[in-house]
Protein backbone atom coordinates (compact mmCIF):
# COMPACT_ATOMS: atom_id res chain seq x y z
CA MET A 1 -1.06 16.69 14.81
CA THR A 2 0.65 14.43 17.33
CA PHE A 3 1.71 11.18 15.69
CA HIS A 4 0.72 7.93 17.40
CA ASP A 5 0.81 5.35 14.60
CA ILE A 6 3.61 6.68 12.40
CA ARG A 7 6.99 8.38 12.69
CA TYR A 8 8.12 11.26 10.48
CA SER A 9 11.58 12.65 9.83
CA ALA A 10 13.31 14.72 7.16
CA ARG A 11 17.02 15.01 6.40
CA ASP A 12 19.21 15.81 3.41
CA GLY A 13 16.23 16.43 1.14
CA VAL A 14 14.57 13.11 1.97
CA ALA A 15 11.53 12.64 4.25
CA GLN A 16 10.68 9.28 5.78
CA ILE A 17 7.19 8.19 6.83
CA THR A 18 7.38 5.06 8.98
CA LEU A 19 4.25 3.03 9.77
CA ASP A 20 4.62 2.28 13.47
CA ARG A 21 2.08 -0.19 14.81
CA PRO A 22 4.39 -3.20 15.19
CA ALA A 23 2.03 -4.93 17.64
CA TYR A 24 -0.48 -5.16 14.77
CA ARG A 25 2.13 -5.59 12.03
CA ASN A 26 1.38 -2.06 10.84
CA ALA A 27 -2.29 -2.66 10.11
CA GLN A 28 -3.70 0.56 8.72
CA SER A 29 -6.27 2.18 11.01
CA TYR A 30 -8.09 5.35 10.03
CA ARG A 31 -5.89 7.21 12.51
CA MET A 32 -2.76 5.87 10.84
CA LEU A 33 -4.08 6.91 7.43
CA ASP A 34 -4.87 10.40 8.71
CA GLU A 35 -1.36 10.62 10.14
CA ILE A 36 0.23 9.42 6.90
CA ASP A 37 -1.73 12.09 5.06
CA HIS A 38 -0.59 14.78 7.49
CA ALA A 39 3.01 13.65 7.07
CA PHE A 40 2.67 13.93 3.29
CA ASP A 41 1.30 17.46 3.78
CA LEU A 42 4.37 18.32 5.89
CA ALA A 43 6.66 16.97 3.18
CA ARG A 44 4.75 18.86 0.52
CA THR A 45 5.16 22.25 2.20
CA ASP A 46 8.80 21.67 3.21
CA ARG A 47 10.86 23.11 0.37
CA GLU A 48 13.92 21.18 1.53
CA VAL A 49 12.16 17.86 0.98
CA ARG A 50 12.57 16.55 -2.56
CA VAL A 51 11.75 12.83 -2.09
CA VAL A 52 9.55 10.85 0.35
CA ILE A 53 10.21 7.29 1.53
CA VAL A 54 7.37 5.21 3.04
CA ARG A 55 8.33 2.18 5.11
CA GLY A 56 7.15 -0.01 7.97
CA SER A 57 8.62 -0.68 11.40
CA GLY A 58 9.42 -4.04 12.94
CA GLY A 59 10.50 -5.69 9.70
CA VAL A 60 7.00 -5.53 8.17
CA PHE A 61 5.62 -3.03 5.65
CA SER A 62 1.89 -3.51 6.34
CA THR A 63 -0.45 -6.48 6.75
CA GLY A 64 -3.43 -4.54 5.42
CA HIS A 65 -6.35 -2.67 6.92
CA ASP A 66 -7.16 -2.60 10.60
CA LEU A 67 -10.24 -4.82 10.69
CA GLY A 68 -11.31 -4.20 14.27
CA THR A 69 -8.66 -3.42 16.90
CA PRO A 70 -10.17 -1.60 19.90
CA GLU A 71 -8.22 1.62 19.38
CA GLY A 72 -8.85 1.52 15.66
CA MET A 73 -12.60 1.22 16.12
CA GLU A 74 -12.65 3.90 18.83
CA TYR A 75 -11.01 6.40 16.50
CA ARG A 76 -13.33 5.48 13.63
CA TYR A 77 -16.48 5.91 15.72
CA ALA A 78 -15.17 9.21 17.12
CA LEU A 79 -15.13 10.61 13.58
CA GLY A 80 -18.90 10.71 13.89
CA ALA A 81 -19.98 9.70 10.39
CA GLN A 82 -23.73 9.07 10.26
CA GLU A 83 -25.19 6.06 8.46
CA GLY A 84 -25.82 6.71 4.79
CA ILE A 85 -23.88 9.07 2.55
CA GLU A 86 -21.56 10.18 5.37
CA THR A 87 -20.45 6.60 5.96
CA TYR A 88 -19.88 6.11 2.23
CA ASP A 89 -17.89 9.34 1.95
CA GLN A 90 -15.75 8.27 4.90
CA PHE A 91 -15.13 4.84 3.39
CA LYS A 92 -14.24 6.40 0.04
CA LYS A 93 -11.84 8.86 1.67
CA TYR A 94 -9.81 6.23 3.49
CA ASN A 95 -9.89 3.59 0.77
CA LEU A 96 -9.57 5.60 -2.44
CA ASP A 97 -9.26 9.37 -2.16
CA LEU A 98 -6.16 9.38 0.04
CA LEU A 99 -4.43 6.82 -2.15
CA VAL A 100 -5.15 8.87 -5.28
CA LYS A 101 -3.87 11.98 -3.50
CA TRP A 102 -0.62 10.26 -2.56
CA ARG A 103 -0.25 8.81 -6.05
CA ASN A 104 -0.40 12.39 -7.37
CA PHE A 105 1.87 13.81 -4.64
CA PRO A 106 4.02 16.49 -6.34
CA LYS A 107 7.37 14.98 -5.35
CA PRO A 108 8.88 11.54 -6.07
CA THR A 109 7.91 8.81 -3.62
CA VAL A 110 9.34 5.38 -2.92
CA ALA A 111 7.94 2.46 -0.94
CA MET A 112 10.62 0.57 0.98
CA VAL A 113 9.11 -2.86 1.56
CA GLU A 114 10.29 -5.64 3.82
CA GLY A 115 8.35 -8.52 5.27
CA TYR A 116 4.62 -8.70 4.62
CA CYS A 117 2.89 -6.35 2.17
CA ILE A 118 -0.74 -7.48 2.16
CA TYR A 119 -3.84 -5.96 0.51
CA ALA A 120 -3.91 -2.37 1.88
CA GLY A 121 -0.14 -2.70 2.19
CA TRP A 122 -0.02 -3.40 -1.55
CA MET A 123 -2.40 -0.45 -2.09
CA LEU A 124 -0.06 1.91 -0.24
CA ALA A 125 3.09 0.62 -1.94
CA ALA A 126 1.42 0.80 -5.36
CA ALA A 127 0.46 4.44 -4.78
CA MET A 128 4.16 5.31 -4.59
CA ASP A 129 6.21 6.08 -7.71
CA VAL A 130 8.75 3.29 -7.25
CA VAL A 131 8.98 0.24 -5.00
CA PHE A 132 12.22 -1.14 -3.56
CA ALA A 133 11.94 -4.43 -1.66
CA ALA A 134 14.02 -6.62 0.61
CA ASP A 135 14.59 -10.14 -0.61
CA ASP A 136 12.38 -11.41 2.24
CA ALA A 137 9.35 -9.33 1.20
CA GLN A 138 6.08 -11.17 0.56
CA PHE A 139 3.30 -9.49 -1.44
CA LEU A 140 -0.38 -10.43 -1.44
CA GLY A 141 -2.72 -8.63 -3.81
CA GLY A 142 -6.44 -9.03 -4.28
CA PHE A 143 -9.66 -7.33 -5.29
CA VAL A 144 -9.23 -4.34 -3.02
CA GLU A 145 -10.75 -0.88 -2.74
CA TYR A 146 -7.91 0.93 -4.55
CA ASN A 147 -7.64 -1.77 -7.18
CA THR A 148 -4.44 -1.06 -9.09
CA ILE A 149 -3.30 -4.66 -9.40
CA PRO A 150 -4.15 -4.97 -13.15
CA TRP A 151 -1.97 -1.88 -13.73
CA ASP A 152 0.75 -3.07 -11.38
CA ILE A 153 1.34 -6.51 -12.90
CA GLY A 154 -0.90 -6.83 -15.98
CA ILE A 155 -4.41 -8.16 -16.49
CA ARG A 156 -3.70 -11.87 -16.93
CA ARG A 157 -1.22 -12.06 -14.07
CA ALA A 158 -3.65 -10.11 -11.86
CA LYS A 159 -6.45 -12.58 -12.62
CA GLU A 160 -4.17 -15.52 -11.89
CA LEU A 161 -3.07 -14.22 -8.50
CA VAL A 162 -6.42 -12.84 -7.34
CA PHE A 163 -8.32 -15.98 -8.33
CA GLU A 164 -5.81 -18.22 -6.55
CA SER A 165 -4.97 -15.84 -3.67
CA ARG A 166 -1.30 -16.50 -3.11
CA PHE A 167 1.75 -14.63 -1.90
CA ILE A 168 4.46 -13.67 -4.35
CA SER A 169 8.08 -13.13 -3.44
CA ALA A 170 9.99 -9.90 -3.97
CA GLN A 171 11.72 -11.52 -6.92
CA GLU A 172 8.39 -12.45 -8.52
CA ALA A 173 7.02 -8.98 -7.82
CA ALA A 174 10.03 -7.50 -9.63
CA GLN A 175 9.58 -9.92 -12.53
CA PHE A 176 5.90 -8.97 -12.79
CA GLY A 177 6.60 -5.21 -12.70
CA LEU A 178 5.37 -4.16 -9.25
CA VAL A 179 8.83 -3.87 -7.70
CA ASN A 180 11.68 -1.86 -9.22
CA ARG A 181 14.63 -3.28 -7.28
CA VAL A 182 15.27 -6.12 -4.84
CA TYR A 183 18.07 -5.92 -2.27
CA PRO A 184 19.32 -8.14 0.55
CA LYS A 185 17.46 -7.09 3.69
CA ALA A 186 20.66 -5.75 5.28
CA ASP A 187 21.20 -3.43 2.29
CA LEU A 188 17.65 -2.22 1.66
CA GLU A 189 17.64 0.92 3.80
CA ARG A 190 21.09 2.05 2.70
CA GLU A 191 20.35 1.56 -1.00
CA THR A 192 16.88 3.12 -0.82
CA VAL A 193 18.10 6.23 0.99
CA ALA A 194 21.07 6.53 -1.37
CA TRP A 195 18.73 6.41 -4.38
CA ALA A 196 16.43 9.00 -2.81
CA ARG A 197 19.35 11.34 -2.15
CA ARG A 198 20.52 11.04 -5.74
CA VAL A 199 17.03 11.89 -6.95
CA ALA A 200 16.90 14.81 -4.50
CA GLU A 201 19.84 16.38 -6.31
CA ASN A 202 17.70 16.83 -9.42
CA SER A 203 15.77 19.99 -10.20
CA PRO A 204 12.38 20.00 -8.39
CA GLU A 205 10.81 21.44 -11.53
CA THR A 206 12.17 18.59 -13.64
CA LEU A 207 10.99 16.02 -11.12
CA ARG A 208 7.53 17.54 -10.87
CA MET A 209 6.94 17.85 -14.61
CA ALA A 210 8.32 14.36 -15.29
CA LYS A 211 5.94 12.87 -12.72
CA ILE A 212 3.00 14.78 -14.18
CA GLN A 213 3.75 13.39 -17.62
CA MET A 214 4.19 9.82 -16.37
CA ASN A 215 0.86 9.94 -14.51
CA LYS A 216 -0.84 11.54 -17.51
CA ALA A 217 0.32 8.67 -19.67
CA GLN A 218 -1.23 6.19 -17.23
CA ASP A 219 -4.43 8.24 -16.98
CA ALA A 220 -4.70 8.28 -20.78
CA GLN A 221 -4.94 4.50 -20.53
CA GLY A 222 -7.90 4.83 -18.16
CA PHE A 223 -6.20 4.38 -14.79
CA SER A 224 -8.05 6.99 -12.72
CA GLN A 225 -11.47 6.06 -14.06
CA ALA A 226 -10.79 2.37 -13.53
CA VAL A 227 -9.81 2.70 -9.87
CA GLU A 228 -12.79 4.98 -9.21
CA ASP A 229 -15.19 2.51 -10.81
CA SER A 230 -13.61 -0.41 -8.98
CA LEU A 231 -14.43 1.09 -5.59
CA GLY A 232 -18.13 0.97 -6.46
CA ASP A 233 -17.83 -2.69 -7.39
CA TYR A 234 -16.06 -3.37 -4.09
CA VAL A 235 -18.84 -1.69 -2.09
CA ALA A 236 -21.42 -3.73 -4.02
CA MET A 237 -19.53 -6.89 -3.11
CA MET A 238 -19.45 -5.90 0.57
CA TYR A 239 -23.24 -5.75 0.72
CA MET A 240 -24.00 -8.64 -1.62
CA PRO A 241 -26.49 -11.01 0.08
CA GLY A 242 -24.82 -14.17 1.27
CA ASN A 243 -21.28 -12.92 0.70
CA GLN A 244 -18.93 -13.76 3.56
CA MET A 245 -15.68 -11.84 3.24
CA ARG A 246 -14.15 -12.45 6.68
CA MET A 247 -13.21 -15.49 8.72
CA GLU A 248 -15.92 -16.01 11.32
CA GLY A 249 -14.84 -14.57 14.67
CA GLN A 250 -11.48 -13.36 13.34
CA ARG A 251 -9.99 -10.17 11.95
CA ARG A 252 -8.89 -11.84 8.72
CA LEU A 253 -10.37 -11.93 5.23
CA LEU A 254 -11.21 -15.35 3.80
CA SER A 255 -9.00 -14.71 0.77
CA VAL A 256 -6.06 -13.79 3.00
CA ASP A 257 -6.60 -16.95 5.04
CA LEU A 258 -6.50 -18.95 1.82
CA ALA A 259 -3.12 -17.43 0.97
CA VAL A 260 -1.78 -18.04 4.47
CA ARG A 261 -2.87 -21.69 4.38
CA GLY A 262 -1.20 -21.98 0.98
CA ARG A 263 2.10 -20.77 2.41
CA ARG A 264 1.86 -23.26 5.26
CA GLY A 265 1.26 -26.01 2.75
CA GLU A 266 4.34 -24.96 0.78
CA ARG A 267 6.50 -25.21 3.92
CA PHE A 268 5.45 -28.82 4.38
CA GLY A 269 5.78 -29.69 0.70
CA LEU A 270 2.03 -29.88 0.15
CA ARG A 271 1.80 -27.27 -2.57
CA LYS A 272 4.00 -25.51 -5.11
CA THR A 273 3.53 -22.00 -6.35
CA ALA A 274 2.58 -21.36 -9.94
CA ALA A 275 6.10 -20.02 -10.51
CA GLU A 276 7.53 -23.43 -9.64
């Protein structure tokens, strides 16, 4: 596969997958998701790779799904899914199955987040084993297709944030449990790569079995069943009569627009966050 929307490299036991659509702030098209998956397959079969880092280009992790760019839609239509079960299977693949696959990837993974991490960006980061963030990172979670937010930050906090629809800082995300470590932006890459290289020195057997056990513990609490069930609820919401999910005439969800307007209000002293 020739990569168009990502970059891939591997060195010193560490592979890096870089989302590379800076013009769209790394919005995730189906082509990008296919390329991410292919990059993970490369890292899986490369015996020299022990750890995978996922990051974004242009100072942004990802602003969510591609909701209608011309090249994004062209690629999607070219896949040729027919209306009905084929369309559902395609939607499920790109919004659940790939995320579950990457969550269960047999080697340790780390999301290196700077700038915006919105909806599908949160989904991708949450599918990684650990999350390191720059101090400028801004996270926006919601009721999404791969709905891990109750597991990422707890049920009550998830309800609070999803109901209100607001951004949280990297520091809040660390306090809530989504983010492992927060670094100054200038130090994020150096510290993330250094951590990955330390992990890469460990036995691959130890790393693999430890990850299996950690994921089993989460699955014993109902994780896999919950995210599978949640996708069905999301699809039901999509086709609910009278439900308007997007801003009219724009490629933006209403809930995301609410969060963006909230941030603008904070800048002008019109609103404080719940943490304040």
